[in-house]
Amino acid sequence: MENVHFPAVTVETGKPGEVRNITSVMEAAAFLLTEWPGKRTRWQGLARQACLEAMDGNIDADLARTKFIEAAKDANIYIAG
């Protein structure tokens, strides 16, 4: 599995006032799997799958980043990126 880096995406964590910069597909996948605040949604699942596919080299990291941003927006945790 490959850990491809991408431009930072800033999201809120489950802790009040805490933010996190996600900078790679592996970091995004780990956040989606273990630290995702709130419900598991269709968007969260699509982002998780995209990150795993990017780590396997099946899709571009930019697409995984886009899916991660979409999921973060859906969960109202997106700040910047």
PDB file of N, CA and C in Angstrom:
ATOM      1  N   MET A   1       0.834  -1.185   0.000  1.00  0.00           N
ATOM      2  CA  MET A   1       0.000   0.000   0.000  1.00  0.00           C
ATOM      3  C   MET A   1       0.877   1.246   0.000  1.00  0.00           C
ATOM      4  N   GLU A   2       0.445   2.195  -0.770  1.00  0.00           N
ATOM      5  CA  GLU A   2       1.203   3.424  -0.934  1.00  0.00           C
ATOM      6  C   GLU A   2       0.527   4.586  -0.214  1.00  0.00           C
ATOM      7  N   ASN A   3       1.319   5.401   0.462  1.00  0.00           N
ATOM      8  CA  ASN A   3       0.802   6.574   1.151  1.00  0.00           C
ATOM      9  C   ASN A   3       1.115   7.805   0.313  1.00  0.00           C
ATOM     10  N   VAL A   4       0.171   8.187  -0.536  1.00  0.00           N
ATOM     11  CA  VAL A   4       0.358   9.327  -1.426  1.00  0.00           C
ATOM     12  C   VAL A   4      -0.086  10.597  -0.709  1.00  0.00           C
ATOM     13  N   HIS A   5       0.762  11.605  -0.743  1.00  0.00           N
ATOM     14  CA  HIS A   5       0.452  12.880  -0.087  1.00  0.00           C
ATOM     15  C   HIS A   5      -0.324  13.787  -1.023  1.00  0.00           C
ATOM     16  N   PHE A   6      -1.136  14.668  -0.424  1.00  0.00           N
ATOM     17  CA  PHE A   6      -1.889  15.657  -1.180  1.00  0.00           C
ATOM     18  C   PHE A   6      -1.957  16.951  -0.369  1.00  0.00           C
ATOM     19  N   PRO A   7      -2.396  18.067  -1.002  1.00  0.00           N
ATOM     20  CA  PRO A   7      -2.511  19.328  -0.251  1.00  0.00           C
ATOM     21  C   PRO A   7      -3.416  19.151   0.967  1.00  0.00           C
ATOM     22  N   ALA A   8      -3.053  19.799   2.052  1.00  0.00           N
ATOM     23  CA  ALA A   8      -3.756  19.639   3.330  1.00  0.00           C
ATOM     24  C   ALA A   8      -5.244  19.963   3.233  1.00  0.00           C
ATOM     25  N   VAL A   9      -6.016  19.150   3.935  1.00  0.00           N
ATOM     26  CA  VAL A   9      -7.448  19.385   4.127  1.00  0.00           C
ATOM     27  C   VAL A   9      -7.641  19.532   5.634  1.00  0.00           C
ATOM     28  N   THR A  10      -8.192  20.659   6.066  1.00  0.00           N
ATOM     29  CA  THR A  10      -8.387  20.915   7.487  1.00  0.00           C
ATOM     30  C   THR A  10      -9.812  20.584   7.880  1.00  0.00           C
ATOM     31  N   VAL A  11      -9.934  19.749   8.915  1.00  0.00           N
ATOM     32  CA  VAL A  11     -11.248  19.320   9.407  1.00  0.00           C
ATOM     33  C   VAL A  11     -11.298  19.449  10.920  1.00  0.00           C
ATOM     34  N   GLU A  12     -12.509  19.529  11.435  1.00  0.00           N
ATOM     35  CA  GLU A  12     -12.706  19.479  12.878  1.00  0.00           C
ATOM     36  C   GLU A  12     -12.657  18.028  13.314  1.00  0.00           C
ATOM     37  N   THR A  13     -12.165  17.798  14.521  1.00  0.00           N
ATOM     38  CA  THR A  13     -12.187  16.445  15.074  1.00  0.00           C
ATOM     39  C   THR A  13     -13.412  16.334  15.979  1.00  0.00           C
ATOM     40  N   GLY A  14     -13.529  15.260  16.685  1.00  0.00           N
ATOM     41  CA  GLY A  14     -14.640  15.079  17.601  1.00  0.00           C
ATOM     42  C   GLY A  14     -14.493  15.853  18.901  1.00  0.00           C
ATOM     43  N   LYS A  15     -13.333  16.461  19.106  1.00  0.00           N
ATOM     44  CA  LYS A  15     -13.079  17.219  20.332  1.00  0.00           C
ATOM     45  C   LYS A  15     -13.359  18.694  20.084  1.00  0.00           C
ATOM     46  N   PRO A  16     -14.096  19.352  20.971  1.00  0.00           N
ATOM     47  CA  PRO A  16     -14.437  20.760  20.773  1.00  0.00           C
ATOM     48  C   PRO A  16     -13.203  21.643  20.557  1.00  0.00           C
ATOM     49  N   GLY A  17     -13.246  22.433  19.481  1.00  0.00           N
ATOM     50  CA  GLY A  17     -12.176  23.368  19.188  1.00  0.00           C
ATOM     51  C   GLY A  17     -10.929  22.769  18.575  1.00  0.00           C
ATOM     52  N   GLU A  18     -10.879  21.463  18.392  1.00  0.00           N
ATOM     53  CA  GLU A  18      -9.690  20.819  17.841  1.00  0.00           C
ATOM     54  C   GLU A  18      -9.850  20.615  16.338  1.00  0.00           C
ATOM     55  N   VAL A  19      -8.816  20.970  15.595  1.00  0.00           N
ATOM     56  CA  VAL A  19      -8.806  20.758  14.149  1.00  0.00           C
ATOM     57  C   VAL A  19      -7.612  19.898  13.782  1.00  0.00           C
ATOM     58  N   ARG A  20      -7.678  19.352  12.581  1.00  0.00           N
ATOM     59  CA  ARG A  20      -6.600  18.474  12.122  1.00  0.00           C
ATOM     60  C   ARG A  20      -6.364  18.703  10.638  1.00  0.00           C
ATOM     61  N   ASN A  21      -5.104  18.716  10.252  1.00  0.00           N
ATOM     62  CA  ASN A  21      -4.737  18.807   8.841  1.00  0.00           C
ATOM     63  C   ASN A  21      -4.453  17.404   8.332  1.00  0.00           C
ATOM     64  N   ILE A  22      -5.208  16.986   7.351  1.00  0.00           N
ATOM     65  CA  ILE A  22      -5.040  15.674   6.727  1.00  0.00           C
ATOM     66  C   ILE A  22      -4.236  15.893   5.448  1.00  0.00           C
ATOM     67  N   THR A  23      -3.102  15.182   5.314  1.00  0.00           N
ATOM     68  CA  THR A  23      -2.194  15.453   4.193  1.00  0.00           C
ATOM     69  C   THR A  23      -1.853  14.252   3.316  1.00  0.00           C
ATOM     70  N   SER A  24      -2.526  13.117   3.525  1.00  0.00           N
ATOM     71  CA  SER A  24      -2.242  11.952   2.685  1.00  0.00           C
ATOM     72  C   SER A  24      -3.446  11.025   2.657  1.00  0.00           C
ATOM     73  N   VAL A  25      -3.434  10.121   1.678  1.00  0.00           N
ATOM     74  CA  VAL A  25      -4.544   9.178   1.582  1.00  0.00           C
ATOM     75  C   VAL A  25      -4.558   8.225   2.776  1.00  0.00           C
ATOM     76  N   MET A  26      -3.397   7.845   3.277  1.00  0.00           N
ATOM     77  CA  MET A  26      -3.353   6.944   4.428  1.00  0.00           C
ATOM     78  C   MET A  26      -3.886   7.639   5.685  1.00  0.00           C
ATOM     79  N   GLU A  27      -3.513   8.882   5.861  1.00  0.00           N
ATOM     80  CA  GLU A  27      -3.993   9.651   7.009  1.00  0.00           C
ATOM     81  C   GLU A  27      -5.512   9.863   6.915  1.00  0.00           C
ATOM     82  N   ALA A  28      -5.990  10.146   5.706  1.00  0.00           N
ATOM     83  CA  ALA A  28      -7.431  10.322   5.500  1.00  0.00           C
ATOM     84  C   ALA A  28      -8.175   9.021   5.786  1.00  0.00           C
ATOM     85  N   ALA A  29      -7.644   7.904   5.295  1.00  0.00           N
ATOM     86  CA  ALA A  29      -8.290   6.609   5.527  1.00  0.00           C
ATOM     87  C   ALA A  29      -8.352   6.289   7.017  1.00  0.00           C
ATOM     88  N   ALA A  30      -7.265   6.525   7.725  1.00  0.00           N
ATOM     89  CA  ALA A  30      -7.239   6.264   9.169  1.00  0.00           C
ATOM     90  C   ALA A  30      -8.245   7.153   9.896  1.00  0.00           C
ATOM     91  N   PHE A  31      -8.321   8.430   9.515  1.00  0.00           N
ATOM     92  CA  PHE A  31      -9.280   9.340  10.129  1.00  0.00           C
ATOM     93  C   PHE A  31     -10.709   8.859   9.868  1.00  0.00           C
ATOM     94  N   LEU A  32     -10.973   8.469   8.627  1.00  0.00           N
ATOM     95  CA  LEU A  32     -12.308   7.986   8.263  1.00  0.00           C
ATOM     96  C   LEU A  32     -12.683   6.712   9.018  1.00  0.00           C
ATOM     97  N   LEU A  33     -11.719   5.857   9.254  1.00  0.00           N
ATOM     98  CA  LEU A  33     -11.982   4.568   9.913  1.00  0.00           C
ATOM     99  C   LEU A  33     -12.053   4.659  11.434  1.00  0.00           C
ATOM    100  N   THR A  34     -11.207   5.500  12.034  1.00  0.00           N
ATOM    101  CA  THR A  34     -11.095   5.437  13.492  1.00  0.00           C
ATOM    102  C   THR A  34     -11.448   6.716  14.241  1.00  0.00           C
ATOM    103  N   GLU A  35     -11.436   7.853  13.550  1.00  0.00           N
ATOM    104  CA  GLU A  35     -11.646   9.116  14.252  1.00  0.00           C
ATOM    105  C   GLU A  35     -12.835   9.919  13.738  1.00  0.00           C
ATOM    106  N   TRP A  36     -13.566   9.388  12.792  1.00  0.00           N
ATOM    107  CA  TRP A  36     -14.650  10.130  12.172  1.00  0.00           C
ATOM    108  C   TRP A  36     -15.694  10.526  13.212  1.00  0.00           C
ATOM    109  N   PRO A  37     -15.924  11.840  13.360  1.00  0.00           N
ATOM    110  CA  PRO A  37     -16.928  12.278  14.339  1.00  0.00           C
ATOM    111  C   PRO A  37     -18.331  12.176  13.736  1.00  0.00           C
ATOM    112  N   GLY A  38     -19.200  11.546  14.432  1.00  0.00           N
ATOM    113  CA  GLY A  38     -20.574  11.455  13.941  1.00  0.00           C
ATOM    114  C   GLY A  38     -20.864  10.149  13.234  1.00  0.00           C
ATOM    115  N   LYS A  39     -21.975  10.164  12.528  1.00  0.00           N
ATOM    116  CA  LYS A  39     -22.494   8.958  11.873  1.00  0.00           C
ATOM    117  C   LYS A  39     -21.672   8.548  10.659  1.00  0.00           C
ATOM    118  N   ARG A  40     -21.695   7.267  10.421  1.00  0.00           N
ATOM    119  CA  ARG A  40     -21.128   6.724   9.188  1.00  0.00           C
ATOM    120  C   ARG A  40     -22.192   6.911   8.113  1.00  0.00           C
ATOM    121  N   THR A  41     -21.840   7.654   7.091  1.00  0.00           N
ATOM    122  CA  THR A  41     -22.798   7.957   6.033  1.00  0.00           C
ATOM    123  C   THR A  41     -22.318   7.382   4.713  1.00  0.00           C
ATOM    124  N   ARG A  42     -23.149   7.502   3.696  1.00  0.00           N
ATOM    125  CA  ARG A  42     -22.777   7.077   2.350  1.00  0.00           C
ATOM    126  C   ARG A  42     -21.525   7.830   1.905  1.00  0.00           C
ATOM    127  N   TRP A  43     -21.469   9.146   2.156  1.00  0.00           N
ATOM    128  CA  TRP A  43     -20.330   9.964   1.754  1.00  0.00           C
ATOM    129  C   TRP A  43     -19.055   9.523   2.461  1.00  0.00           C
ATOM    130  N   GLN A  44     -19.176   9.216   3.728  1.00  0.00           N
ATOM    131  CA  GLN A  44     -18.019   8.758   4.495  1.00  0.00           C
ATOM    132  C   GLN A  44     -17.518   7.433   3.932  1.00  0.00           C
ATOM    133  N   GLY A  45     -18.429   6.543   3.602  1.00  0.00           N
ATOM    134  CA  GLY A  45     -18.059   5.249   3.027  1.00  0.00           C
ATOM    135  C   GLY A  45     -17.394   5.386   1.661  1.00  0.00           C
ATOM    136  N   LEU A  46     -17.915   6.287   0.831  1.00  0.00           N
ATOM    137  CA  LEU A  46     -17.320   6.513  -0.486  1.00  0.00           C
ATOM    138  C   LEU A  46     -15.911   7.094  -0.358  1.00  0.00           C
ATOM    139  N   ALA A  47     -15.731   7.995   0.595  1.00  0.00           N
ATOM    140  CA  ALA A  47     -14.410   8.578   0.821  1.00  0.00           C
ATOM    141  C   ALA A  47     -13.431   7.525   1.321  1.00  0.00           C
ATOM    142  N   ARG A  48     -13.873   6.695   2.240  1.00  0.00           N
ATOM    143  CA  ARG A  48     -13.023   5.628   2.773  1.00  0.00           C
ATOM    144  C   ARG A  48     -12.592   4.692   1.641  1.00  0.00           C
ATOM    145  N   GLN A  49     -13.537   4.306   0.792  1.00  0.00           N
ATOM    146  CA  GLN A  49     -13.233   3.409  -0.326  1.00  0.00           C
ATOM    147  C   GLN A  49     -12.253   4.065  -1.297  1.00  0.00           C
ATOM    148  N   ALA A  50     -12.455   5.348  -1.576  1.00  0.00           N
ATOM    149  CA  ALA A  50     -11.561   6.070  -2.487  1.00  0.00           C
ATOM    150  C   ALA A  50     -10.138   6.126  -1.927  1.00  0.00           C
ATOM    151  N   CYS A  51     -10.008   6.351  -0.637  1.00  0.00           N
ATOM    152  CA  CYS A  51      -8.674   6.385  -0.026  1.00  0.00           C
ATOM    153  C   CYS A  51      -7.993   5.029  -0.121  1.00  0.00           C
ATOM    154  N   LEU A  52      -8.728   3.971   0.134  1.00  0.00           N
ATOM    155  CA  LEU A  52      -8.150   2.628   0.045  1.00  0.00           C
ATOM    156  C   LEU A  52      -7.738   2.311  -1.392  1.00  0.00           C
ATOM    157  N   GLU A  53      -8.561   2.732  -2.355  1.00  0.00           N
ATOM    158  CA  GLU A  53      -8.220   2.496  -3.760  1.00  0.00           C
ATOM    159  C   GLU A  53      -6.998   3.314  -4.174  1.00  0.00           C
ATOM    160  N   ALA A  54      -6.877   4.521  -3.650  1.00  0.00           N
ATOM    161  CA  ALA A  54      -5.701   5.345  -3.958  1.00  0.00           C
ATOM    162  C   ALA A  54      -4.442   4.720  -3.369  1.00  0.00           C
ATOM    163  N   MET A  55      -4.533   4.158  -2.174  1.00  0.00           N
ATOM    164  CA  MET A  55      -3.373   3.497  -1.572  1.00  0.00           C
ATOM    165  C   MET A  55      -2.952   2.279  -2.374  1.00  0.00           C
ATOM    166  N   ASP A  56      -3.918   1.632  -3.024  1.00  0.00           N
ATOM    167  CA  ASP A  56      -3.609   0.472  -3.870  1.00  0.00           C
ATOM    168  C   ASP A  56      -3.161   0.884  -5.271  1.00  0.00           C
ATOM    169  N   GLY A  57      -3.215   2.197  -5.560  1.00  0.00           N
ATOM    170  CA  GLY A  57      -2.794   2.687  -6.867  1.00  0.00           C
ATOM    171  C   GLY A  57      -3.851   2.581  -7.943  1.00  0.00           C
ATOM    172  N   ASN A  58      -5.098   2.316  -7.553  1.00  0.00           N
ATOM    173  CA  ASN A  58      -6.162   2.146  -8.532  1.00  0.00           C
ATOM    174  C   ASN A  58      -6.820   3.450  -8.964  1.00  0.00           C
ATOM    175  N   ILE A  59      -6.730   4.481  -8.134  1.00  0.00           N
ATOM    176  CA  ILE A  59      -7.247   5.796  -8.497  1.00  0.00           C
ATOM    177  C   ILE A  59      -6.250   6.859  -8.059  1.00  0.00           C
ATOM    178  N   ASP A  60      -6.410   8.031  -8.583  1.00  0.00           N
ATOM    179  CA  ASP A  60      -5.530   9.157  -8.276  1.00  0.00           C
ATOM    180  C   ASP A  60      -5.805   9.689  -6.869  1.00  0.00           C
ATOM    181  N   ALA A  61      -4.761  10.137  -6.192  1.00  0.00           N
ATOM    182  CA  ALA A  61      -4.907  10.689  -4.839  1.00  0.00           C
ATOM    183  C   ALA A  61      -5.786  11.933  -4.822  1.00  0.00           C
ATOM    184  N   ASP A  62      -5.791  12.697  -5.911  1.00  0.00           N
ATOM    185  CA  ASP A  62      -6.641  13.893  -5.973  1.00  0.00           C
ATOM    186  C   ASP A  62      -8.116  13.530  -5.898  1.00  0.00           C
ATOM    187  N   LEU A  63      -8.491  12.409  -6.512  1.00  0.00           N
ATOM    188  CA  LEU A  63      -9.884  11.967  -6.436  1.00  0.00           C
ATOM    189  C   LEU A  63     -10.229  11.553  -5.009  1.00  0.00           C
ATOM    190  N   ALA A  64      -9.319  10.851  -4.350  1.00  0.00           N
ATOM    191  CA  ALA A  64      -9.552  10.457  -2.956  1.00  0.00           C
ATOM    192  C   ALA A  64      -9.676  11.703  -2.075  1.00  0.00           C
ATOM    193  N   ARG A  65      -8.847  12.707  -2.319  1.00  0.00           N
ATOM    194  CA  ARG A  65      -8.918  13.956  -1.566  1.00  0.00           C
ATOM    195  C   ARG A  65     -10.273  14.632  -1.775  1.00  0.00           C
ATOM    196  N   THR A  66     -10.732  14.662  -3.028  1.00  0.00           N
ATOM    197  CA  THR A  66     -12.030  15.261  -3.336  1.00  0.00           C
ATOM    198  C   THR A  66     -13.149  14.536  -2.601  1.00  0.00           C
ATOM    199  N   LYS A  67     -13.109  13.222  -2.583  1.00  0.00           N
ATOM    200  CA  LYS A  67     -14.127  12.433  -1.878  1.00  0.00           C
ATOM    201  C   LYS A  67     -14.071  12.682  -0.374  1.00  0.00           C
ATOM    202  N   PHE A  68     -12.848  12.835   0.159  1.00  0.00           N
ATOM    203  CA  PHE A  68     -12.694  13.136   1.581  1.00  0.00           C
ATOM    204  C   PHE A  68     -13.317  14.494   1.900  1.00  0.00           C
ATOM    205  N   ILE A  69     -13.072  15.483   1.057  1.00  0.00           N
ATOM    206  CA  ILE A  69     -13.654  16.815   1.260  1.00  0.00           C
ATOM    207  C   ILE A  69     -15.176  16.751   1.198  1.00  0.00           C
ATOM    208  N   GLU A  70     -15.719  16.011   0.236  1.00  0.00           N
ATOM    209  CA  GLU A  70     -17.179  15.875   0.127  1.00  0.00           C
ATOM    210  C   GLU A  70     -17.765  15.270   1.402  1.00  0.00           C
ATOM    211  N   ALA A  71     -17.108  14.257   1.928  1.00  0.00           N
ATOM    212  CA  ALA A  71     -17.588  13.621   3.152  1.00  0.00           C
ATOM    213  C   ALA A  71     -17.496  14.578   4.338  1.00  0.00           C
ATOM    214  N   ALA A  72     -16.397  15.325   4.406  1.00  0.00           N
ATOM    215  CA  ALA A  72     -16.225  16.285   5.500  1.00  0.00           C
ATOM    216  C   ALA A  72     -17.289  17.378   5.430  1.00  0.00           C
ATOM    217  N   LYS A  73     -17.589  17.847   4.236  1.00  0.00           N
ATOM    218  CA  LYS A  73     -18.646  18.854   4.081  1.00  0.00           C
ATOM    219  C   LYS A  73     -19.990  18.287   4.498  1.00  0.00           C
ATOM    220  N   ASP A  74     -20.263  17.054   4.089  1.00  0.00           N
ATOM    221  CA  ASP A  74     -21.524  16.409   4.456  1.00  0.00           C
ATOM    222  C   ASP A  74     -21.658  16.277   5.966  1.00  0.00           C
ATOM    223  N   ALA A  75     -20.553  16.039   6.662  1.00  0.00           N
ATOM    224  CA  ALA A  75     -20.559  15.867   8.113  1.00  0.00           C
ATOM    225  C   ALA A  75     -20.403  17.199   8.862  1.00  0.00           C
ATOM    226  N   ASN A  76     -20.308  18.287   8.112  1.00  0.00           N
ATOM    227  CA  ASN A  76     -20.132  19.626   8.697  1.00  0.00           C
ATOM    228  C   ASN A  76     -18.865  19.746   9.546  1.00  0.00           C
ATOM    229  N   ILE A  77     -17.789  19.097   9.087  1.00  0.00           N
ATOM    230  CA  ILE A  77     -16.516  19.210   9.792  1.00  0.00           C
ATOM    231  C   ILE A  77     -15.427  19.835   8.913  1.00  0.00           C
ATOM    232  N   TYR A  78     -15.774  20.165   7.681  1.00  0.00           N
ATOM    233  CA  TYR A  78     -14.799  20.744   6.739  1.00  0.00           C
ATOM    234  C   TYR A  78     -14.493  22.180   7.122  1.00  0.00           C
ATOM    235  N   ILE A  79     -13.212  22.524   7.141  1.00  0.00           N
ATOM    236  CA  ILE A  79     -12.803  23.894   7.422  1.00  0.00           C
ATOM    237  C   ILE A  79     -12.144  24.511   6.191  1.00  0.00           C
ATOM    238  N   ALA A  80     -11.126  23.864   5.642  1.00  0.00           N
ATOM    239  CA  ALA A  80     -10.421  24.432   4.487  1.00  0.00           C
ATOM    240  C   ALA A  80      -9.668  23.338   3.749  1.00  0.00           C
ATOM    241  N   GLY A  81      -9.335  23.662   2.513  1.00  0.00           N
ATOM    242  CA  GLY A  81      -8.524  22.742   1.733  1.00  0.00           C
ATOM    243  C   GLY A  81      -8.787  22.959   0.334  1.00  0.00           C
TER     244      GLY A  81
END
